[in-house]
C-alpha atoms as a PDB file:
ATOM      1  CA  MET A   1      16.354  14.990  -5.463  1.00  0.00           C
ATOM      2  CA  GLU A   2      18.977  12.323  -4.977  1.00  0.00           C
ATOM      3  CA  GLY A   3      18.742   8.850  -6.558  1.00  0.00           C
ATOM      4  CA  ASP A   4      20.869   6.168  -7.423  1.00  0.00           C
ATOM      5  CA  ALA A   5      22.671   5.289 -10.772  1.00  0.00           C
ATOM      6  CA  ASP A   6      19.600   4.828 -12.680  1.00  0.00           C
ATOM      7  CA  GLY A   7      18.284   8.214 -11.522  1.00  0.00           C
ATOM      8  CA  ARG A   8      15.981   6.610  -9.071  1.00  0.00           C
ATOM      9  CA  THR A   9      15.221   7.839  -5.302  1.00  0.00           C
ATOM     10  CA  ASP A  10      15.919   5.473  -2.226  1.00  0.00           C
ATOM     11  CA  ASP A  11      11.863   5.519  -1.481  1.00  0.00           C
ATOM     12  CA  PRO A  12      10.135   6.252  -4.625  1.00  0.00           C
ATOM     13  CA  LYS A  13       6.785   5.919  -3.109  1.00  0.00           C
ATOM     14  CA  HIS A  14       7.299   9.060  -1.208  1.00  0.00           C
ATOM     15  CA  VAL A  15       8.431  11.234  -3.947  1.00  0.00           C
ATOM     16  CA  VAL A  16       6.303  13.795  -6.065  1.00  0.00           C
ATOM     17  CA  PHE A  17       7.620  14.862  -9.272  1.00  0.00           C
ATOM     18  CA  ARG A  18       6.747  18.235 -10.696  1.00  0.00           C
ATOM     19  CA  CYS A  19       8.400  20.533 -13.565  1.00  0.00           C
ATOM     20  CA  ASP A  20       6.678  23.749 -13.918  1.00  0.00           C
ATOM     21  CA  PRO A  21       8.846  25.097 -16.712  1.00  0.00           C
ATOM     22  CA  TRP A  22       8.251  22.095 -18.849  1.00  0.00           C
ATOM     23  CA  LEU A  23       4.499  22.508 -18.181  1.00  0.00           C
ATOM     24  CA  ALA A  24       4.798  26.155 -18.848  1.00  0.00           C
ATOM     25  CA  SER A  25       6.032  25.420 -22.202  1.00  0.00           C
ATOM     26  CA  VAL A  26       4.754  22.023 -23.819  1.00  0.00           C
ATOM     27  CA  PRO A  27       0.795  21.019 -23.341  1.00  0.00           C
ATOM     28  CA  LEU A  28       0.495  17.735 -21.455  1.00  0.00           C
ATOM     29  CA  ASP A  29      -1.422  15.121 -23.520  1.00  0.00           C
ATOM     30  CA  GLU A  30      -1.143  11.883 -24.362  1.00  0.00           C
ATOM     31  CA  SER A  31       1.526  12.117 -26.845  1.00  0.00           C
ATOM     32  CA  THR A  32       3.644  13.995 -24.411  1.00  0.00           C
ATOM     33  CA  ALA A  33       3.032  12.062 -21.126  1.00  0.00           C
ATOM     34  CA  VAL A  34       5.827   9.826 -21.401  1.00  0.00           C
ATOM     35  CA  GLU A  35       8.180  12.541 -22.407  1.00  0.00           C
ATOM     36  CA  TYR A  36       7.415  14.739 -19.143  1.00  0.00           C
ATOM     37  CA  PHE A  37       7.274  11.409 -17.473  1.00  0.00           C
ATOM     38  CA  SER A  38      10.764  10.638 -18.602  1.00  0.00           C
ATOM     39  CA  LEU A  39      12.098  13.725 -16.555  1.00  0.00           C
ATOM     40  CA  SER A  40      11.145  12.268 -13.212  1.00  0.00           C
ATOM     41  CA  PRO A  41      13.332  10.243 -10.694  1.00  0.00           C
ATOM     42  CA  PHE A  42      11.272   7.279 -11.374  1.00  0.00           C
ATOM     43  CA  TYR A  43      12.562   6.529 -15.003  1.00  0.00           C
ATOM     44  CA  LEU A  44      15.014   4.335 -15.660  1.00  0.00           C
ATOM     45  CA  HIS A  45      17.448   5.687 -18.466  1.00  0.00           C
ATOM     46  CA  THR A  46      18.244   2.298 -19.738  1.00  0.00           C
ATOM     47  CA  CYS A  47      14.897   1.636 -21.152  1.00  0.00           C
ATOM     48  CA  THR A  48      13.738   0.738 -24.747  1.00  0.00           C
ATOM     49  CA  ASN A  49      12.063   4.452 -24.752  1.00  0.00           C
ATOM     50  CA  GLU A  50      15.369   6.112 -24.848  1.00  0.00           C
ATOM     51  CA  SER A  51      16.774   4.056 -27.879  1.00  0.00           C
ATOM     52  CA  LEU A  52      13.765   5.646 -29.647  1.00  0.00           C
ATOM     53  CA  ARG A  53      14.932   9.160 -28.377  1.00  0.00           C
ATOM     54  CA  ALA A  54      18.402   8.347 -29.927  1.00  0.00           C
ATOM     55  CA  ARG A  55      17.153   7.646 -33.020  1.00  0.00           C
ATOM     56  CA  GLY A  56      15.014  10.891 -33.054  1.00  0.00           C
ATOM     57  CA  MET A  57      11.490   9.129 -32.604  1.00  0.00           C
ATOM     58  CA  ARG A  58       8.884   9.705 -30.332  1.00  0.00           C
ATOM     59  CA  LEU A  59       9.490   7.882 -26.974  1.00  0.00           C
ATOM     60  CA  ASP A  60       5.738   6.534 -26.984  1.00  0.00           C
ATOM     61  CA  ASP A  61       5.818   4.780 -30.196  1.00  0.00           C
ATOM     62  CA  VAL A  62       4.400   1.357 -29.281  1.00  0.00           C
ATOM     63  CA  GLU A  63       4.706  -0.297 -32.830  1.00  0.00           C
ATOM     64  CA  GLU A  64       8.515   0.482 -32.540  1.00  0.00           C
ATOM     65  CA  LEU A  65       8.743  -0.524 -28.661  1.00  0.00           C
ATOM     66  CA  LYS A  66       7.208  -3.742 -29.579  1.00  0.00           C
ATOM     67  CA  ARG A  67      10.637  -4.298 -31.958  1.00  0.00           C
ATOM     68  CA  SER A  68      12.797  -4.656 -28.837  1.00  0.00           C
ATOM     69  CA  VAL A  69      12.636  -6.390 -25.681  1.00  0.00           C
ATOM     70  CA  GLY A  70      13.375  -5.023 -21.882  1.00  0.00           C
ATOM     71  CA  VAL A  71      11.742  -2.298 -19.741  1.00  0.00           C
ATOM     72  CA  GLU A  72       9.626   0.214 -21.389  1.00  0.00           C
ATOM     73  CA  TYR A  73       7.166   3.154 -20.671  1.00  0.00           C
ATOM     74  CA  VAL A  74       3.671   3.838 -21.955  1.00  0.00           C
ATOM     75  CA  VAL A  75       0.546   5.327 -21.387  1.00  0.00           C
ATOM     76  CA  VAL A  76      -2.119   3.106 -20.577  1.00  0.00           C
ATOM     77  CA  ALA A  77      -4.878   5.214 -19.567  1.00  0.00           C
ATOM     78  CA  ALA A  78      -5.780   8.994 -19.938  1.00  0.00           C
ATOM     79  CA  GLN A  79      -8.129  11.823 -18.988  1.00  0.00           C
ATOM     80  CA  PRO A  80      -6.282  14.534 -20.784  1.00  0.00           C
ATOM     81  CA  PRO A  81      -5.144  16.957 -19.619  1.00  0.00           C
ATOM     82  CA  HIS A  82      -5.246  16.072 -15.846  1.00  0.00           C
ATOM     83  CA  LEU A  83      -4.772  12.509 -15.445  1.00  0.00           C
ATOM     84  CA  PHE A  84      -2.418   9.988 -17.320  1.00  0.00           C
ATOM     85  CA  ALA A  85      -1.529   6.477 -16.167  1.00  0.00           C
ATOM     86  CA  ILE A  86       1.851   5.198 -17.122  1.00  0.00           C
ATOM     87  CA  ALA A  87       2.976   1.558 -16.943  1.00  0.00           C
ATOM     88  CA  GLU A  88       6.278   0.141 -16.568  1.00  0.00           C
ATOM     89  CA  ARG A  89       6.706  -2.917 -18.558  1.00  0.00           C
ATOM     90  CA  LYS A  90       9.388  -5.538 -19.150  1.00  0.00           C
ATOM     91  CA  ARG A  91       8.809  -6.750 -23.116  1.00  0.00           C
ATOM     92  CA  ASN A  92       9.829 -10.188 -23.543  1.00  0.00           C
ATOM     93  CA  SER A  93       8.401 -10.524 -26.998  1.00  0.00           C
ATOM     94  CA  PRO A  94       6.026  -8.531 -29.444  1.00  0.00           C
ATOM     95  CA  THR A  95       3.176  -9.866 -27.964  1.00  0.00           C
ATOM     96  CA  ASN A  96       4.050 -10.668 -24.283  1.00  0.00           C
ATOM     97  CA  VAL A  97       4.908  -8.071 -21.486  1.00  0.00           C
ATOM     98  CA  ASN A  98       5.103  -8.171 -17.560  1.00  0.00           C
ATOM     99  CA  ILE A  99       3.880  -4.906 -15.486  1.00  0.00           C
ATOM    100  CA  LEU A 100       6.423  -3.633 -13.203  1.00  0.00           C
ATOM    101  CA  ALA A 101       5.129  -0.723 -11.460  1.00  0.00           C
ATOM    102  CA  MET A 102       2.225   1.942 -12.478  1.00  0.00           C
ATOM    103  CA  TYR A 103       2.729   5.499 -12.156  1.00  0.00           C
ATOM    104  CA  TYR A 104       0.143   8.459 -12.737  1.00  0.00           C
ATOM    105  CA  ILE A 105       0.212  12.303 -13.451  1.00  0.00           C
ATOM    106  CA  LEU A 106      -2.271  14.299 -11.911  1.00  0.00           C
ATOM    107  CA  ASP A 107      -2.455  17.719 -12.935  1.00  0.00           C
ATOM    108  CA  GLY A 108       1.322  17.909 -13.650  1.00  0.00           C
ATOM    109  CA  ASN A 109       2.314  15.982 -10.382  1.00  0.00           C
ATOM    110  CA  VAL A 110       3.836  12.602 -10.746  1.00  0.00           C
ATOM    111  CA  TYR A 111       3.448   9.625  -8.380  1.00  0.00           C
ATOM    112  CA  GLN A 112       4.426   6.159  -8.153  1.00  0.00           C
ATOM    113  CA  SER A 113       0.837   4.109  -7.377  1.00  0.00           C
ATOM    114  CA  PRO A 114       1.133   2.029  -4.695  1.00  0.00           C
ATOM    115  CA  THR A 115       1.623  -1.610  -5.010  1.00  0.00           C
ATOM    116  CA  LEU A 116      -1.276  -4.130  -3.753  1.00  0.00           C
ATOM    117  CA  ARG A 117       0.856  -5.539  -1.032  1.00  0.00           C
ATOM    118  CA  ASP A 118       1.114  -1.753   0.256  1.00  0.00           C
ATOM    119  CA  VAL A 119      -2.934  -1.471  -0.062  1.00  0.00           C
ATOM    120  CA  ILE A 120      -3.198  -4.867   1.862  1.00  0.00           C
ATOM    121  CA  ASN A 121      -0.511  -4.010   4.720  1.00  0.00           C
ATOM    122  CA  SER A 122      -2.321  -0.378   4.808  1.00  0.00           C
ATOM    123  CA  ARG A 123      -5.678  -1.544   5.250  1.00  0.00           C
ATOM    124  CA  THR A 124      -4.617  -4.702   7.827  1.00  0.00           C
ATOM    125  CA  GLU A 125      -2.847  -1.888   9.793  1.00  0.00           C
ATOM    126  CA  ARG A 126      -5.900   0.151   9.889  1.00  0.00           C
ATOM    127  CA  ALA A 127      -8.159  -2.805  10.878  1.00  0.00           C
ATOM    128  CA  LEU A 128      -5.660  -3.764  13.763  1.00  0.00           C
ATOM    129  CA  PHE A 129      -5.683   0.006  14.951  1.00  0.00           C
ATOM    130  CA  HIS A 130      -9.721  -0.285  15.526  1.00  0.00           C
ATOM    131  CA  LEU A 131      -9.359  -3.888  17.184  1.00  0.00           C
ATOM    132  CA  ARG A 132      -6.946  -2.324  19.565  1.00  0.00           C
ATOM    133  CA  ASP A 133      -8.897   0.429  20.249  1.00  0.00           C
ATOM    134  CA  ALA A 134     -11.947  -1.814  21.195  1.00  0.00           C
ATOM    135  CA  PHE A 135      -9.914  -4.169  23.233  1.00  0.00           C
ATOM    136  CA  ALA A 136      -8.784  -0.683  25.182  1.00  0.00           C
ATOM    137  CA  THR A 137     -12.495   0.322  25.327  1.00  0.00           C
ATOM    138  CA  LEU A 138     -13.231  -2.964  26.884  1.00  0.00           C
ATOM    139  CA  GLN A 139     -10.431  -3.163  29.307  1.00  0.00           C
ATOM    140  CA  GLU A 140     -11.744   0.180  30.449  1.00  0.00           C
ATOM    141  CA  GLU A 141     -15.632  -0.731  30.849  1.00  0.00           C
ATOM    142  CA  LEU A 142     -14.654  -3.998  32.717  1.00  0.00           C
ATOM    143  CA  ASP A 143     -11.918  -2.406  34.728  1.00  0.00           C
ATOM    144  CA  LEU A 144      -9.541  -5.199  33.948  1.00  0.00           C
ATOM    145  CA  ASP A 145      -6.713  -3.275  36.224  1.00  0.00           C
ATOM    146  CA  GLY A 146      -7.180  -6.316  38.460  1.00  0.00           C
ATOM    147  CA  VAL A 147      -5.556  -9.109  35.733  1.00  0.00           C
ATOM    148  CA  ASP A 148      -1.977  -9.654  36.645  1.00  0.00           C
ATOM    149  CA  ALA A 149       0.798 -10.799  34.740  1.00  0.00           C
ATOM    150  CA  ASP A 150      -0.137 -14.617  35.271  1.00  0.00           C
ATOM    151  CA  GLY A 151      -3.802 -14.078  34.071  1.00  0.00           C
ATOM    152  CA  GLY A 152      -5.258 -13.817  37.479  1.00  0.00           C
ATOM    153  CA  MET A 153      -8.531 -11.852  38.102  1.00  0.00           C
ATOM    154  CA  GLU A 154      -9.355 -10.023  41.118  1.00  0.00           C
ATOM    155  CA  GLU A 155     -12.982 -10.066  42.642  1.00  0.00           C
ATOM    156  CA  ARG A 156     -13.695  -6.339  41.360  1.00  0.00           C
ATOM    157  CA  ILE A 157     -13.343  -7.247  37.516  1.00  0.00           C
ATOM    158  CA  LEU A 158     -17.212  -7.379  37.992  1.00  0.00           C
ATOM    159  CA  PRO A 159     -19.059  -4.753  39.943  1.00  0.00           C
ATOM    160  CA  ALA A 160     -20.078  -4.964  43.454  1.00  0.00           C
ATOM    161  CA  MET A 161     -23.406  -5.520  44.217  1.00  0.00           C
ATOM    162  CA  GLU A 162     -25.372  -3.953  46.721  1.00  0.00           C
ATOM    163  CA  GLU A 163     -27.832  -6.788  47.354  1.00  0.00           C
ATOM    164  CA  PRO A 164     -26.884 -10.306  48.358  1.00  0.00           C
ATOM    165  CA  LEU A 165     -26.388 -12.491  45.091  1.00  0.00           C
ATOM    166  CA  SER A 166     -28.681 -15.490  45.091  1.00  0.00           C
ATOM    167  CA  GLU A 167     -27.289 -19.082  44.575  1.00  0.00           C
ATOM    168  CA  HIS A 168     -27.950 -18.768  40.949  1.00  0.00           C
ATOM    169  CA  ASP A 169     -26.390 -15.397  40.609  1.00  0.00           C
ATOM    170  CA  VAL A 170     -23.055 -16.826  42.091  1.00  0.00           C
ATOM    171  CA  GLU A 171     -22.708 -19.669  39.907  1.00  0.00           C
ATOM    172  CA  GLU A 172     -23.586 -17.339  37.070  1.00  0.00           C
ATOM    173  CA  ARG A 173     -21.081 -14.965  38.195  1.00  0.00           C
ATOM    174  CA  ALA A 174     -18.308 -17.716  38.543  1.00  0.00           C
ATOM    175  CA  ARG A 175     -19.207 -19.102  35.353  1.00  0.00           C
ATOM    176  CA  PHE A 176     -18.760 -15.852  33.431  1.00  0.00           C
ATOM    177  CA  GLN A 177     -15.603 -14.955  35.699  1.00  0.00           C
ATOM    178  CA  ARG A 178     -14.182 -18.571  34.265  1.00  0.00           C
ATOM    179  CA  THR A 179     -15.158 -17.851  30.651  1.00  0.00           C
ATOM    180  CA  LEU A 180     -13.408 -14.291  30.791  1.00  0.00           C
ATOM    181  CA  HIS A 181     -10.462 -15.942  32.521  1.00  0.00           C
ATOM    182  CA  ALA A 182      -9.858 -18.344  29.625  1.00  0.00           C
ATOM    183  CA  VAL A 183     -10.761 -15.900  26.835  1.00  0.00           C
ATOM    184  CA  LEU A 184      -8.033 -13.570  28.385  1.00  0.00           C
ATOM    185  CA  ARG A 185      -5.671 -16.461  28.156  1.00  0.00           C
ATOM    186  CA  ARG A 186      -6.020 -17.547  24.902  1.00  0.00           C
ATOM    187  CA  HIS A 187      -6.461 -14.055  23.642  1.00  0.00           C
ATOM    188  CA  PRO A 188      -4.505 -11.358  25.797  1.00  0.00           C
ATOM    189  CA  ILE A 189      -5.307  -7.748  25.207  1.00  0.00           C
ATOM    190  CA  PRO A 190      -2.569  -6.725  22.729  1.00  0.00           C
ATOM    191  CA  ALA A 191       0.006  -4.263  23.991  1.00  0.00           C
ATOM    192  CA  GLU A 192       0.027  -0.467  22.366  1.00  0.00           C
ATOM    193  CA  SER A 193       2.242  -0.035  19.404  1.00  0.00           C
ATOM    194  CA  ASN A 194       2.610   2.872  17.105  1.00  0.00           C
ATOM    195  CA  GLN A 195       2.988   1.111  14.043  1.00  0.00           C
ATOM    196  CA  THR A 196       2.321  -2.901  13.114  1.00  0.00           C
ATOM    197  CA  THR A 197       4.335  -4.600  10.580  1.00  0.00           C
ATOM    198  CA  LEU A 198       2.772  -7.375   8.420  1.00  0.00           C
ATOM    199  CA  GLN A 199       4.749  -9.653   6.241  1.00  0.00           C
ATOM    200  CA  VAL A 200       2.620 -10.149   2.911  1.00  0.00           C
ATOM    201  CA  GLN A 201       4.131 -12.558   0.374  1.00  0.00           C
ATOM    202  CA  ASN A 202       4.363 -10.869  -2.987  1.00  0.00           C
ATOM    203  CA  VAL A 203       1.693 -11.497  -5.548  1.00  0.00           C
ATOM    204  CA  ARG A 204       2.963 -13.620  -8.703  1.00  0.00           C
ATOM    205  CA  GLN A 205       2.631 -11.098 -11.893  1.00  0.00           C
ATOM    206  CA  GLU A 206       1.632 -13.465 -14.720  1.00  0.00           C
ATOM    207  CA  PRO A 207       2.911 -12.496 -18.234  1.00  0.00           C
ATOM    208  CA  ILE A 208       0.160 -10.235 -20.123  1.00  0.00           C
ATOM    209  CA  ALA A 209      -0.346 -11.191 -23.821  1.00  0.00           C
ATOM    210  CA  GLU A 210      -0.991  -8.098 -25.728  1.00  0.00           C
ATOM    211  CA  GLU A 211      -3.616  -8.292 -28.497  1.00  0.00           C
ATOM    212  CA  THR A 212      -2.212  -8.323 -31.936  1.00  0.00           C
END
């Protein structure tokens, strides 16, 4: 897989990493999860875990990581041997860190966890898809082919009635047409689109104080 100077790919959210030779020779558990993760393109080789490697120490030695500042990787949750959650954190002090990203190892496959913005965008796009589908269904049911570009409405929007309309029915029909006309002017039926892109503001990440 291609990557940048730090070994990362251009779009890490679409990357799945796996190394079968390593998995066949080393048991994957909480003490080896960060070591295995370090083989992936998600891993920054400028992190403080690498300073531990240079000194012949374990990459997941949390007490030693507290002595440095910078980006670090630690296992924050685990269900061995199948699932491990790894946090990419920026350490500011021995008791203060900011989470930059989350990754997980599932049965030997390494993935990047989606961000809150990704989840919101995905769910909003799904909701808009269903709304668009509902509008399309409404258009078919009301036979809105008679609505022109200016919002004009032909008489055939309402089905023709075989029996003559009473004065009350005529008034109700006219009122309904005016109401529907106003709604369509304010809320036109959206054009079909394969993808809707929404801008969602980044959620501010507050520092996390570790327990001492």
